[in-house]
């Protein structure tokens, strides 16, 4: 299995609670150095 190599996970500022939870869990399993941010525009990273 390949590990995730992420630096940032973004969710929409008006995301539903489920979308925010999904973004939080993805950031958590990706590693301690991954930032989770609310962003109105797509960023360089994974957009949930």
PDB file of N, CA and C in Angstrom:
ATOM      1  N   UNK A   1       0.833  -1.174   0.000  1.00  0.00           N
ATOM      2  CA  UNK A   1       0.000   0.000   0.000  1.00  0.00           C
ATOM      3  C   UNK A   1       0.882   1.243   0.000  1.00  0.00           C
ATOM      4  N   UNK A   2       0.546   2.210  -0.810  1.00  0.00           N
ATOM      5  CA  UNK A   2       1.299   3.464  -0.900  1.00  0.00           C
ATOM      6  C   UNK A   2       0.742   4.467   0.099  1.00  0.00           C
ATOM      7  N   UNK A   3       1.615   5.161   0.796  1.00  0.00           N
ATOM      8  CA  UNK A   3       1.158   6.186   1.729  1.00  0.00           C
ATOM      9  C   UNK A   3       0.806   7.457   0.970  1.00  0.00           C
ATOM     10  N   UNK A   4      -0.036   8.256   1.586  1.00  0.00           N
ATOM     11  CA  UNK A   4      -0.433   9.518   0.976  1.00  0.00           C
ATOM     12  C   UNK A   4       0.677  10.543   1.164  1.00  0.00           C
ATOM     13  N   UNK A   5       0.917  11.328   0.139  1.00  0.00           N
ATOM     14  CA  UNK A   5       1.928  12.367   0.211  1.00  0.00           C
ATOM     15  C   UNK A   5       1.235  13.711  -0.011  1.00  0.00           C
ATOM     16  N   UNK A   6       0.511  14.168   0.990  1.00  0.00           N
ATOM     17  CA  UNK A   6      -0.254  15.407   0.893  1.00  0.00           C
ATOM     18  C   UNK A   6       0.355  16.468   1.790  1.00  0.00           C
ATOM     19  N   UNK A   7       0.168  17.705   1.389  1.00  0.00           N
ATOM     20  CA  UNK A   7       0.586  18.830   2.234  1.00  0.00           C
ATOM     21  C   UNK A   7      -0.605  19.612   2.744  1.00  0.00           C
ATOM     22  N   UNK A   8      -1.696  19.617   1.955  1.00  0.00           N
ATOM     23  CA  UNK A   8      -2.854  20.424   2.341  1.00  0.00           C
ATOM     24  C   UNK A   8      -4.142  19.774   1.881  1.00  0.00           C
ATOM     25  N   UNK A   9      -5.173  19.939   2.702  1.00  0.00           N
ATOM     26  CA  UNK A   9      -6.528  19.509   2.374  1.00  0.00           C
ATOM     27  C   UNK A   9      -7.420  20.727   2.562  1.00  0.00           C
ATOM     28  N   UNK A  10      -8.258  20.989   1.581  1.00  0.00           N
ATOM     29  CA  UNK A  10      -9.152  22.148   1.620  1.00  0.00           C
ATOM     30  C   UNK A  10     -10.607  21.704   1.600  1.00  0.00           C
ATOM     31  N   UNK A  11     -11.459  22.479   2.254  1.00  0.00           N
ATOM     32  CA  UNK A  11     -12.901  22.285   2.125  1.00  0.00           C
ATOM     33  C   UNK A  11     -13.540  23.640   1.876  1.00  0.00           C
ATOM     34  N   UNK A  12     -14.709  23.624   1.293  1.00  0.00           N
ATOM     35  CA  UNK A  12     -15.437  24.854   0.978  1.00  0.00           C
ATOM     36  C   UNK A  12     -15.829  25.566   2.268  1.00  0.00           C
ATOM     37  N   UNK A  13     -15.858  26.901   2.265  1.00  0.00           N
ATOM     38  CA  UNK A  13     -16.267  27.631   3.470  1.00  0.00           C
ATOM     39  C   UNK A  13     -17.712  27.338   3.870  1.00  0.00           C
ATOM     40  N   UNK A  14     -18.535  26.944   2.906  1.00  0.00           N
ATOM     41  CA  UNK A  14     -19.936  26.630   3.208  1.00  0.00           C
ATOM     42  C   UNK A  14     -20.189  25.122   3.118  1.00  0.00           C
ATOM     43  N   UNK A  15     -19.170  24.339   3.443  1.00  0.00           N
ATOM     44  CA  UNK A  15     -19.273  22.883   3.392  1.00  0.00           C
ATOM     45  C   UNK A  15     -20.234  22.378   4.464  1.00  0.00           C
ATOM     46  N   UNK A  16     -20.855  21.239   4.165  1.00  0.00           N
ATOM     47  CA  UNK A  16     -21.732  20.607   5.147  1.00  0.00           C
ATOM     48  C   UNK A  16     -20.871  19.984   6.251  1.00  0.00           C
ATOM     49  N   UNK A  17     -21.466  19.699   7.400  1.00  0.00           N
ATOM     50  CA  UNK A  17     -20.696  19.050   8.466  1.00  0.00           C
ATOM     51  C   UNK A  17     -20.051  17.736   8.014  1.00  0.00           C
ATOM     52  N   UNK A  18     -20.709  16.989   7.159  1.00  0.00           N
ATOM     53  CA  UNK A  18     -20.144  15.741   6.656  1.00  0.00           C
ATOM     54  C   UNK A  18     -18.921  15.963   5.791  1.00  0.00           C
ATOM     55  N   UNK A  19     -18.949  17.019   4.973  1.00  0.00           N
ATOM     56  CA  UNK A  19     -17.796  17.341   4.126  1.00  0.00           C
ATOM     57  C   UNK A  19     -16.605  17.799   4.969  1.00  0.00           C
ATOM     58  N   UNK A  20     -16.876  18.555   6.008  1.00  0.00           N
ATOM     59  CA  UNK A  20     -15.808  19.010   6.897  1.00  0.00           C
ATOM     60  C   UNK A  20     -15.199  17.819   7.629  1.00  0.00           C
ATOM     61  N   UNK A  21     -16.043  16.917   8.097  1.00  0.00           N
ATOM     62  CA  UNK A  21     -15.540  15.713   8.769  1.00  0.00           C
ATOM     63  C   UNK A  21     -14.688  14.885   7.819  1.00  0.00           C
ATOM     64  N   UNK A  22     -15.129  14.736   6.580  1.00  0.00           N
ATOM     65  CA  UNK A  22     -14.355  13.979   5.590  1.00  0.00           C
ATOM     66  C   UNK A  22     -12.988  14.624   5.370  1.00  0.00           C
ATOM     67  N   UNK A  23     -12.951  15.948   5.264  1.00  0.00           N
ATOM     68  CA  UNK A  23     -11.683  16.650   5.073  1.00  0.00           C
ATOM     69  C   UNK A  23     -10.783  16.475   6.291  1.00  0.00           C
ATOM     70  N   UNK A  24     -11.363  16.546   7.497  1.00  0.00           N
ATOM     71  CA  UNK A  24     -10.582  16.362   8.728  1.00  0.00           C
ATOM     72  C   UNK A  24      -9.991  14.960   8.792  1.00  0.00           C
ATOM     73  N   UNK A  25     -10.783  13.958   8.457  1.00  0.00           N
ATOM     74  CA  UNK A  25     -10.297  12.580   8.514  1.00  0.00           C
ATOM     75  C   UNK A  25      -9.214  12.327   7.466  1.00  0.00           C
ATOM     76  N   UNK A  26      -9.390  12.877   6.270  1.00  0.00           N
ATOM     77  CA  UNK A  26      -8.369  12.725   5.235  1.00  0.00           C
ATOM     78  C   UNK A  26      -7.061  13.357   5.686  1.00  0.00           C
ATOM     79  N   UNK A  27      -7.140  14.558   6.253  1.00  0.00           N
ATOM     80  CA  UNK A  27      -5.927  15.228   6.755  1.00  0.00           C
ATOM     81  C   UNK A  27      -5.294  14.420   7.881  1.00  0.00           C
ATOM     82  N   UNK A  28      -6.109  13.835   8.754  1.00  0.00           N
ATOM     83  CA  UNK A  28      -5.588  13.062   9.883  1.00  0.00           C
ATOM     84  C   UNK A  28      -4.844  11.823   9.410  1.00  0.00           C
ATOM     85  N   UNK A  29      -5.412  11.083   8.447  1.00  0.00           N
ATOM     86  CA  UNK A  29      -4.740   9.864   8.007  1.00  0.00           C
ATOM     87  C   UNK A  29      -3.557  10.151   7.093  1.00  0.00           C
ATOM     88  N   UNK A  30      -3.523  11.355   6.512  1.00  0.00           N
ATOM     89  CA  UNK A  30      -2.417  11.709   5.618  1.00  0.00           C
ATOM     90  C   UNK A  30      -1.149  12.048   6.381  1.00  0.00           C
ATOM     91  N   UNK A  31      -1.276  12.415   7.640  1.00  0.00           N
ATOM     92  CA  UNK A  31      -0.078  12.673   8.428  1.00  0.00           C
ATOM     93  C   UNK A  31      -0.152  13.944   9.244  1.00  0.00           C
ATOM     94  N   UNK A  32       0.783  14.078  10.193  1.00  0.00           N
ATOM     95  CA  UNK A  32       0.758  15.209  11.119  1.00  0.00           C
ATOM     96  C   UNK A  32       1.137  16.551  10.479  1.00  0.00           C
ATOM     97  N   UNK A  33       1.762  16.541   9.328  1.00  0.00           N
ATOM     98  CA  UNK A  33       2.206  17.796   8.703  1.00  0.00           C
ATOM     99  C   UNK A  33       1.224  18.332   7.665  1.00  0.00           C
ATOM    100  N   UNK A  34       0.046  17.728   7.570  1.00  0.00           N
ATOM    101  CA  UNK A  34      -0.953  18.160   6.589  1.00  0.00           C
ATOM    102  C   UNK A  34      -1.824  19.239   7.213  1.00  0.00           C
ATOM    103  N   UNK A  35      -1.997  20.345   6.501  1.00  0.00           N
ATOM    104  CA  UNK A  35      -2.848  21.425   6.990  1.00  0.00           C
ATOM    105  C   UNK A  35      -4.253  21.265   6.435  1.00  0.00           C
ATOM    106  N   UNK A  36      -5.246  21.629   7.238  1.00  0.00           N
ATOM    107  CA  UNK A  36      -6.651  21.611   6.842  1.00  0.00           C
ATOM    108  C   UNK A  36      -7.130  23.047   6.844  1.00  0.00           C
ATOM    109  N   UNK A  37      -7.670  23.493   5.701  1.00  0.00           N
ATOM    110  CA  UNK A  37      -8.041  24.892   5.549  1.00  0.00           C
ATOM    111  C   UNK A  37      -9.362  25.026   4.810  1.00  0.00           C
ATOM    112  N   UNK A  38     -10.130  26.019   5.200  1.00  0.00           N
ATOM    113  CA  UNK A  38     -11.322  26.399   4.460  1.00  0.00           C
ATOM    114  C   UNK A  38     -10.880  27.332   3.349  1.00  0.00           C
ATOM    115  N   UNK A  39     -11.335  27.082   2.122  1.00  0.00           N
ATOM    116  CA  UNK A  39     -10.901  27.893   0.992  1.00  0.00           C
ATOM    117  C   UNK A  39     -12.025  28.040  -0.019  1.00  0.00           C
ATOM    118  N   UNK A  40     -12.292  29.273  -0.431  1.00  0.00           N
ATOM    119  CA  UNK A  40     -13.337  29.518  -1.421  1.00  0.00           C
ATOM    120  C   UNK A  40     -12.911  29.100  -2.820  1.00  0.00           C
ATOM    121  N   UNK A  41     -11.617  29.133  -3.087  1.00  0.00           N
ATOM    122  CA  UNK A  41     -11.090  28.750  -4.404  1.00  0.00           C
ATOM    123  C   UNK A  41     -10.257  27.486  -4.259  1.00  0.00           C
ATOM    124  N   UNK A  42     -10.241  26.654  -5.293  1.00  0.00           N
ATOM    125  CA  UNK A  42      -9.398  25.456  -5.229  1.00  0.00           C
ATOM    126  C   UNK A  42      -7.944  25.836  -4.969  1.00  0.00           C
ATOM    127  N   UNK A  43      -7.287  25.054  -4.138  1.00  0.00           N
ATOM    128  CA  UNK A  43      -5.892  25.332  -3.804  1.00  0.00           C
ATOM    129  C   UNK A  43      -4.989  24.234  -4.302  1.00  0.00           C
ATOM    130  N   UNK A  44      -3.723  24.371  -3.993  1.00  0.00           N
ATOM    131  CA  UNK A  44      -2.740  23.325  -4.341  1.00  0.00           C
ATOM    132  C   UNK A  44      -2.784  22.285  -3.239  1.00  0.00           C
ATOM    133  N   UNK A  45      -3.485  21.229  -3.483  1.00  0.00           N
ATOM    134  CA  UNK A  45      -3.673  20.166  -2.502  1.00  0.00           C
ATOM    135  C   UNK A  45      -4.916  19.399  -2.882  1.00  0.00           C
ATOM    136  N   UNK A  46      -5.541  18.777  -1.938  1.00  0.00           N
ATOM    137  CA  UNK A  46      -6.753  18.014  -2.184  1.00  0.00           C
ATOM    138  C   UNK A  46      -7.940  18.852  -1.754  1.00  0.00           C
ATOM    139  N   UNK A  47      -8.888  19.014  -2.649  1.00  0.00           N
ATOM    140  CA  UNK A  47     -10.112  19.777  -2.347  1.00  0.00           C
ATOM    141  C   UNK A  47     -11.240  18.786  -2.111  1.00  0.00           C
ATOM    142  N   UNK A  48     -11.815  18.837  -0.898  1.00  0.00           N
ATOM    143  CA  UNK A  48     -12.906  17.929  -0.539  1.00  0.00           C
ATOM    144  C   UNK A  48     -14.208  18.676  -0.680  1.00  0.00           C
TER     145      UNK A  48
END
